[in-house]
Amino acid sequence: MVIDHLTAHPDEAFTATRISRVIAKSSGAIANALATLARQGIAEQVTERPRTYRLATAPVSSDA
């Protein structure tokens, strides 16, 4: 559900609380999911305080 939300809004950054209000799940669970997604490279942390995350951007290939 968190990935779906980030994918639906690829140009925006979200706090766990903001996502929890949309998908009606615990902000603590969402915060844990966001941290895990960031470690996996699916999401990236944008700011430290408040912690905001967005969908990770694909690395640009230099094979041009």
C-alpha atoms as a PDB file:
ATOM      1  CA  MET A   1       0.000   0.000   0.000  1.00  0.00           C
ATOM      2  CA  VAL A   2       2.874   2.357   0.769  1.00  0.00           C
ATOM      3  CA  ILE A   3       4.585   1.585  -2.537  1.00  0.00           C
ATOM      4  CA  ASP A   4       1.284   2.113  -4.348  1.00  0.00           C
ATOM      5  CA  HIS A   5       0.895   5.529  -2.722  1.00  0.00           C
ATOM      6  CA  LEU A   6       4.459   6.593  -3.556  1.00  0.00           C
ATOM      7  CA  THR A   7       4.063   5.328  -7.121  1.00  0.00           C
ATOM      8  CA  ALA A   8       0.835   7.277  -7.557  1.00  0.00           C
ATOM      9  CA  HIS A   9       2.645  10.481  -6.519  1.00  0.00           C
ATOM     10  CA  PRO A  10       6.235  10.094  -7.815  1.00  0.00           C
ATOM     11  CA  ASP A  11       7.107  13.804  -7.600  1.00  0.00           C
ATOM     12  CA  GLU A  12       5.992  14.294  -3.993  1.00  0.00           C
ATOM     13  CA  ALA A  13       7.627  13.539  -0.641  1.00  0.00           C
ATOM     14  CA  PHE A  14       5.554  12.282   2.290  1.00  0.00           C
ATOM     15  CA  THR A  15       5.825  11.776   6.023  1.00  0.00           C
ATOM     16  CA  ALA A  16       4.545   8.533   7.516  1.00  0.00           C
ATOM     17  CA  THR A  17       1.737  10.484   9.177  1.00  0.00           C
ATOM     18  CA  ARG A  18       0.599  12.006   5.902  1.00  0.00           C
ATOM     19  CA  ILE A  19       0.491   8.589   4.224  1.00  0.00           C
ATOM     20  CA  SER A  20      -1.311   7.079   7.231  1.00  0.00           C
ATOM     21  CA  ARG A  21      -4.133   9.585   6.831  1.00  0.00           C
ATOM     22  CA  VAL A  22      -4.644   8.498   3.236  1.00  0.00           C
ATOM     23  CA  ILE A  23      -4.373   4.712   3.563  1.00  0.00           C
ATOM     24  CA  ALA A  24      -5.786   4.447   7.124  1.00  0.00           C
ATOM     25  CA  LYS A  25      -2.946   2.412   8.612  1.00  0.00           C
ATOM     26  CA  SER A  26      -0.697   3.015  11.618  1.00  0.00           C
ATOM     27  CA  SER A  27       1.874   5.762  11.077  1.00  0.00           C
ATOM     28  CA  GLY A  28       4.413   3.652  13.017  1.00  0.00           C
ATOM     29  CA  ALA A  29       3.950   0.720  10.655  1.00  0.00           C
ATOM     30  CA  ILE A  30       4.223   3.050   7.680  1.00  0.00           C
ATOM     31  CA  ALA A  31       7.398   4.621   9.103  1.00  0.00           C
ATOM     32  CA  ASN A  32       8.920   1.142   9.426  1.00  0.00           C
ATOM     33  CA  ALA A  33       7.852   0.294   5.873  1.00  0.00           C
ATOM     34  CA  LEU A  34       9.351   3.526   4.537  1.00  0.00           C
ATOM     35  CA  ALA A  35      12.674   2.847   6.300  1.00  0.00           C
ATOM     36  CA  THR A  36      12.737  -0.673   4.847  1.00  0.00           C
ATOM     37  CA  LEU A  37      11.870   0.601   1.360  1.00  0.00           C
ATOM     38  CA  ALA A  38      14.672   3.162   1.626  1.00  0.00           C
ATOM     39  CA  ARG A  39      17.187   0.436   2.561  1.00  0.00           C
ATOM     40  CA  GLN A  40      15.992  -1.569  -0.452  1.00  0.00           C
ATOM     41  CA  GLY A  41      16.383   1.427  -2.780  1.00  0.00           C
ATOM     42  CA  ILE A  42      12.665   1.588  -3.612  1.00  0.00           C
ATOM     43  CA  ALA A  43      12.146   4.841  -1.706  1.00  0.00           C
ATOM     44  CA  GLU A  44      14.562   7.563  -0.691  1.00  0.00           C
ATOM     45  CA  GLN A  45      14.591   9.742   2.374  1.00  0.00           C
ATOM     46  CA  VAL A  46      14.378  13.393   1.361  1.00  0.00           C
ATOM     47  CA  THR A  47      14.586  15.207   4.704  1.00  0.00           C
ATOM     48  CA  GLU A  48      15.601  14.244   8.234  1.00  0.00           C
ATOM     49  CA  ARG A  49      13.162  16.398  10.257  1.00  0.00           C
ATOM     50  CA  PRO A  50      10.460  15.657   9.583  1.00  0.00           C
ATOM     51  CA  ARG A  51      11.437  12.413   7.877  1.00  0.00           C
ATOM     52  CA  THR A  52       9.985  12.567   4.397  1.00  0.00           C
ATOM     53  CA  TYR A  53      10.279   9.962   1.699  1.00  0.00           C
ATOM     54  CA  ARG A  54       9.560   9.741  -1.994  1.00  0.00           C
ATOM     55  CA  LEU A  55       9.774   7.088  -4.652  1.00  0.00           C
ATOM     56  CA  ALA A  56      13.424   6.528  -5.556  1.00  0.00           C
ATOM     57  CA  THR A  57      14.431   7.825  -8.933  1.00  0.00           C
ATOM     58  CA  ALA A  58      16.058   5.431 -11.331  1.00  0.00           C
ATOM     59  CA  PRO A  59      19.754   6.063 -11.827  1.00  0.00           C
ATOM     60  CA  VAL A  60      20.584   7.742 -15.117  1.00  0.00           C
ATOM     61  CA  SER A  61      22.487   5.468 -17.456  1.00  0.00           C
ATOM     62  CA  SER A  62      25.706   6.827 -18.957  1.00  0.00           C
ATOM     63  CA  ASP A  63      25.461   4.545 -22.015  1.00  0.00           C
ATOM     64  CA  ALA A  64      24.395   7.396 -24.277  1.00  0.00           C
END
